[in-house]
């Protein structure tokens, strides 16, 4: 039976690079996990084993580290753009490059008011603690003329301890859930947003500001929405981003509902007045949806597992 080669790509995955920028005594950290995937004229390497068109994956790894020195890391998006442009423009067989980046945030460790016997507290500008709130992510794809940049975050846990209800839902013979008129709403946000910037003729967004602002508007919407369902809250979060950030056309969320159930304290003669809860990690409701600017087509994959 005849066979043919289908879609293929190759590269070096999960290159961990930490870039320290020293501004005098003040240091800055960029901590990235970079994955490179290249595709193009790669038939021969699969059919015959000829490596004539194959840039070694080890070279792609080296390029990541060299570019951290040569270009610095202004933002995850900008670093991905530098890499994708290089691979496509410098290697004729390469027709498409996809760069995926996770960024791990660090914040400065506050020092005590009293001076250390070794270092004055006002001089400590090089000590950091890893932030545990979320992981920033981006995917940059380039085919030689068109760009697609999808950024976002994952593992951002948020909670509203009130201003959330859930009632009026469909009930059948298997329904046991009681209607709730004052409940905890908590979720672990995985969000991706797609930028409208797609070619070099357009003005490039300020990637760092855009991420910070998108995150801010998303959190404001979560906090300020009186929620009748997690779906409603999701839509408000996406709408707030799109309405405030003109450079973003599409937002997709995957929101597991981190259920909190009131504990029955009556066997102990105690009344539980929305005070003591059991936090259940599974099973969980999973709410997913895309919010789009009107007139824009959806491009972010429905399954964001590997995005």
Foldseek 3Di string as FASTA:
>chain_A
DDDADDDDKDAAFFQWDWAWDPPDLAIDIWTKGKTKIWDFPCRCCVPPVDCPQPDDNVVLSVVLHVCCVVVNDLDPVVSQVVSFLCVPVVRPRTQKMKMKMKIWDKDADQDDCQQDPVGGNVSPNPHIDTDDQWIKMWMWMDRNFWIKIKIWIWFHKDKDLWLEWEDPDDDDPPDDDDGGPTHMWMWTKDKIWIFPDIGPVDDDDSVVVLHVVLVVQLVVLLHPDSYHDVQVSVQSSQVSSVVVPVRTFKMKIKIWGFDWAFDDCVVVVDDCPSPDTDTDPDDTDIDIDMDGDPPDDDDPDRDPPPD
